[in-house]
């Protein structure tokens, strides 16, 4: 057994020490790391998330908090992640290439909080709100905050209704004011002209009648 371990060490060490990390190799590793994608699933029974990293080549490994994850069938599965957790997953090259331990990129993964109010009776009539129509939220919500949001929503609706009625009144008032502003002077000039014309006609008529 010791001879086997010694053989493996002697086989690996020269590769690490004397191998040359070429630009072409680095380019390939960076390209491979850029293909890595992820998704997450929520387990309702445990209340925890499972993160799955996809397109992880055998030449790459993922490190998080001094722990290394290696791909199986180009996938890495990280289980039992608490809601609201934010992970920084560093991508490194493995010993299976000439650029061993080469840092390539970081993958930031944020899992949301499960929204326990989603689809509940308390959300009836408030389906337009994010706290009622989203299964997951980026923030953790308490009972007090939930009730406060509902109350503010009702207050906003009330204000909108008042504004709507006020808008109708203002439109009617503006219509009347605009009408008088546009036609008042025209009407006034017409009335004055009519009165003057009548007065002149009366004077002329009297003169004709009395042969003055």
Protein backbone atom coordinates (compact mmCIF):
# COMPACT_ATOMS: atom_id res chain seq x y z
CA UNK A 1 0.00 0.00 0.00
CA UNK A 2 2.82 2.42 0.92
CA UNK A 3 4.61 1.59 -2.33
CA UNK A 4 1.42 2.37 -4.26
CA UNK A 5 1.00 5.76 -2.53
CA UNK A 6 4.67 6.56 -3.13
CA UNK A 7 4.24 5.69 -6.79
CA UNK A 8 1.22 8.00 -7.13
CA UNK A 9 3.03 10.86 -5.39
CA UNK A 10 6.06 10.43 -7.64
CA UNK A 11 3.73 10.35 -10.63
CA UNK A 12 1.83 13.53 -9.71
CA UNK A 13 4.58 15.76 -8.27
CA UNK A 14 6.70 15.98 -11.41
CA UNK A 15 3.58 16.90 -13.39
CA UNK A 16 2.82 19.75 -10.98
CA UNK A 17 6.36 21.01 -10.63
CA UNK A 18 7.62 20.75 -14.19
CA UNK A 19 4.41 21.25 -16.19
CA UNK A 20 4.15 24.51 -18.07
CA UNK A 21 0.86 26.37 -17.93
CA UNK A 22 0.49 27.80 -21.42
CA UNK A 23 -1.67 30.69 -22.55
CA UNK A 24 -3.71 28.30 -24.67
CA UNK A 25 -4.40 26.11 -21.63
CA UNK A 26 -5.47 29.12 -19.56
CA UNK A 27 -7.74 30.29 -22.36
CA UNK A 28 -9.40 26.88 -22.53
CA UNK A 29 -9.93 26.73 -18.75
CA UNK A 30 -11.46 30.20 -18.67
CA UNK A 31 -13.75 29.25 -21.52
CA UNK A 32 -14.82 26.07 -19.71
CA UNK A 33 -15.49 28.00 -16.48
CA UNK A 34 -17.67 30.51 -18.32
CA UNK A 35 -20.08 27.72 -19.32
CA UNK A 36 -20.91 26.87 -15.71
CA UNK A 37 -24.51 27.61 -14.82
CA UNK A 38 -26.68 26.81 -11.81
CA UNK A 39 -30.22 26.43 -10.53
CA UNK A 40 -31.77 25.72 -7.16
CA UNK A 41 -34.72 23.74 -5.87
CA UNK A 42 -36.69 24.13 -2.66
CA UNK A 43 -37.50 21.12 -0.51
CA UNK A 44 -40.76 21.84 1.30
CA UNK A 45 -40.25 18.91 3.67
CA UNK A 46 -36.90 20.16 4.98
CA UNK A 47 -37.35 23.87 4.24
CA UNK A 48 -33.89 23.89 2.62
CA UNK A 49 -32.53 24.45 -0.88
CA UNK A 50 -30.42 22.30 -3.17
CA UNK A 51 -28.04 24.05 -5.58
CA UNK A 52 -27.01 22.27 -8.77
CA UNK A 53 -24.02 23.51 -10.77
CA UNK A 54 -24.11 22.39 -14.40
CA UNK A 55 -21.56 22.18 -17.23
CA UNK A 56 -18.67 21.65 -14.81
CA UNK A 57 -15.78 20.08 -16.72
CA UNK A 58 -13.51 17.49 -15.09
CA UNK A 59 -10.65 19.97 -15.34
CA UNK A 60 -12.48 22.27 -12.90
CA UNK A 61 -13.35 22.19 -9.21
CA UNK A 62 -15.49 24.42 -6.99
CA UNK A 63 -14.24 25.69 -3.64
CA UNK A 64 -16.27 27.18 -0.84
CA UNK A 65 -14.97 27.84 2.68
CA UNK A 66 -11.92 25.61 2.21
CA UNK A 67 -14.07 22.77 0.92
CA UNK A 68 -13.65 21.50 -2.63
CA UNK A 69 -16.44 20.05 -4.79
CA UNK A 70 -15.65 17.86 -7.79
CA UNK A 71 -18.03 17.22 -10.70
CA UNK A 72 -19.81 13.97 -11.45
CA UNK A 73 -21.29 13.77 -14.93
CA UNK A 74 -20.48 17.47 -15.32
CA UNK A 75 -22.62 18.36 -12.29
CA UNK A 76 -21.98 19.41 -8.71
CA UNK A 77 -24.83 19.20 -6.18
CA UNK A 78 -24.71 21.22 -2.95
CA UNK A 79 -27.49 20.29 -0.55
CA UNK A 80 -29.11 21.63 2.64
CA UNK A 81 -28.71 25.34 1.93
CA UNK A 82 -30.57 27.62 4.32
CA UNK A 83 -33.04 30.14 2.79
CA UNK A 84 -31.50 33.55 2.27
CA UNK A 85 -27.97 32.15 1.99
CA UNK A 86 -25.46 33.90 -0.29
CA UNK A 87 -22.58 31.77 -1.53
CA UNK A 88 -19.32 32.73 -3.22
CA UNK A 89 -18.16 29.72 -5.19
CA UNK A 90 -14.61 29.95 -6.53
CA UNK A 91 -13.71 28.05 -9.68
CA UNK A 92 -10.20 26.55 -9.86
CA UNK A 93 -8.40 24.22 -12.21
CA UNK A 94 -7.68 20.72 -10.95
CA UNK A 95 -4.58 18.56 -10.99
CA UNK A 96 -5.76 16.99 -14.23
CA UNK A 97 -4.28 19.73 -16.41
CA UNK A 98 -1.07 21.67 -16.73
CA UNK A 99 -2.49 24.79 -15.00
CA UNK A 100 -3.07 23.24 -11.61
CA UNK A 101 -4.64 25.49 -8.94
CA UNK A 102 -5.35 28.29 -11.39
CA UNK A 103 -8.07 30.68 -10.14
CA UNK A 104 -10.60 31.22 -12.93
CA UNK A 105 -13.72 33.00 -11.67
CA UNK A 106 -16.23 33.35 -8.85
CA UNK A 107 -19.89 32.36 -9.03
CA UNK A 108 -22.28 34.20 -6.71
CA UNK A 109 -25.36 32.23 -5.77
CA UNK A 110 -28.20 33.70 -3.71
CA UNK A 111 -31.13 31.58 -2.64
CA UNK A 112 -34.34 33.39 -1.67
CA UNK A 113 -36.68 33.05 1.28
CA UNK A 114 -39.78 30.90 1.03
CA UNK A 115 -42.90 33.06 1.23
CA UNK A 116 -45.24 31.35 3.70
CA UNK A 117 -48.04 33.80 2.88
CA UNK A 118 -48.11 32.77 -0.79
CA UNK A 119 -51.53 31.32 -1.63
CA UNK A 120 -52.79 31.77 1.94
CA UNK A 121 -56.25 33.00 2.98
CA UNK A 122 -54.67 36.22 4.27
CA UNK A 123 -53.73 37.13 0.70
CA UNK A 124 -57.28 36.95 -0.64
CA UNK A 125 -57.98 40.28 -2.33
CA UNK A 126 -54.30 41.26 -2.32
CA UNK A 127 -53.15 39.13 -5.25
CA UNK A 128 -51.50 42.13 -6.93
CA UNK A 129 -48.91 42.43 -4.16
CA UNK A 130 -45.53 40.69 -4.46
CA UNK A 131 -45.91 39.28 -0.96
CA UNK A 132 -49.00 37.42 -2.14
CA UNK A 133 -48.20 36.43 -5.73
CA UNK A 134 -44.55 35.37 -5.29
CA UNK A 135 -43.64 31.96 -3.91
CA UNK A 136 -40.16 33.21 -3.02
CA UNK A 137 -38.91 36.61 -1.85
CA UNK A 138 -35.48 38.20 -1.70
CA UNK A 139 -36.17 39.26 1.89
CA UNK A 140 -37.55 37.61 5.01
CA UNK A 141 -40.95 38.94 6.02
CA UNK A 142 -42.43 38.95 9.53
CA UNK A 143 -46.10 38.97 10.53
CA UNK A 144 -45.86 42.64 11.54
CA UNK A 145 -44.33 43.64 8.21
CA UNK A 146 -46.89 41.60 6.28
CA UNK A 147 -49.84 43.27 8.02
CA UNK A 148 -48.24 46.70 7.63
CA UNK A 149 -47.85 46.19 3.86
CA UNK A 150 -51.51 45.18 3.57
CA UNK A 151 -52.60 48.22 5.56
CA UNK A 152 -50.49 50.58 3.43
CA UNK A 153 -51.92 48.98 0.30
CA UNK A 154 -55.49 49.64 1.48
CA UNK A 155 -54.55 53.23 2.34
CA UNK A 156 -53.06 53.70 -1.13
CA UNK A 157 -56.20 52.35 -2.79
CA UNK A 158 -58.33 54.73 -0.72
CA UNK A 159 -56.14 57.67 -1.77
CA UNK A 160 -56.40 56.67 -5.43
CA UNK A 161 -60.20 56.60 -5.21
CA UNK A 162 -60.24 60.05 -3.62
CA UNK A 163 -57.84 61.32 -6.26
CA UNK A 164 -60.09 59.88 -8.94
CA UNK A 165 -63.14 61.75 -7.64
CA UNK A 166 -61.08 64.88 -7.19
CA UNK A 167 -59.83 64.61 -10.72
CA UNK A 168 -63.38 64.52 -12.09
CA UNK A 169 -64.30 67.66 -10.13
CA UNK A 170 -61.12 69.40 -11.21
CA UNK A 171 -61.74 68.52 -14.84
CA UNK A 172 -65.24 69.98 -14.68
CA UNK A 173 -63.99 73.11 -12.94
CA UNK A 174 -61.16 73.49 -15.45
CA UNK A 175 -63.60 73.06 -18.32
CA UNK A 176 -65.83 75.87 -17.04
CA UNK A 177 -62.86 78.14 -16.36
CA UNK A 178 -61.33 77.47 -19.75
CA UNK A 179 -64.65 78.14 -21.43
CA UNK A 180 -65.04 81.54 -19.72
CA UNK A 181 -61.40 82.44 -20.33
CA UNK A 182 -61.71 81.66 -24.01
CA UNK A 183 -65.17 83.13 -24.73
CA UNK A 184 -65.84 85.66 -21.95
CA UNK A 185 -64.23 88.63 -23.66
CA UNK A 186 -65.74 87.70 -27.00
CA UNK A 187 -69.19 87.51 -25.43
CA UNK A 188 -68.62 90.74 -23.49
CA UNK A 189 -67.51 92.61 -26.63
CA UNK A 190 -70.50 91.25 -28.52
CA UNK A 191 -72.92 92.34 -25.77
CA UNK A 192 -71.37 95.83 -25.54
CA UNK A 193 -71.47 96.19 -29.33
CA UNK A 194 -75.08 95.09 -29.36
CA UNK A 195 -76.03 97.58 -26.61
CA UNK A 196 -74.22 100.42 -28.39
CA UNK A 197 -75.88 99.52 -31.68
CA UNK A 198 -79.33 99.51 -30.03
CA UNK A 199 -78.64 102.86 -28.38
CA UNK A 200 -77.51 104.44 -31.65
CA UNK A 201 -80.52 103.00 -33.43
CA UNK A 202 -82.89 104.39 -30.78
CA UNK A 203 -81.36 107.86 -31.04
CA UNK A 204 -81.56 107.77 -34.82
CA UNK A 205 -85.14 106.48 -34.68
CA UNK A 206 -86.24 109.28 -32.35
CA UNK A 207 -84.67 111.89 -34.56
CA UNK A 208 -86.43 110.51 -37.61
CA UNK A 209 -89.71 110.23 -35.75
CA UNK A 210 -89.63 113.80 -34.48
CA UNK A 211 -88.02 115.10 -37.67
CA UNK A 212 -85.12 116.53 -35.81
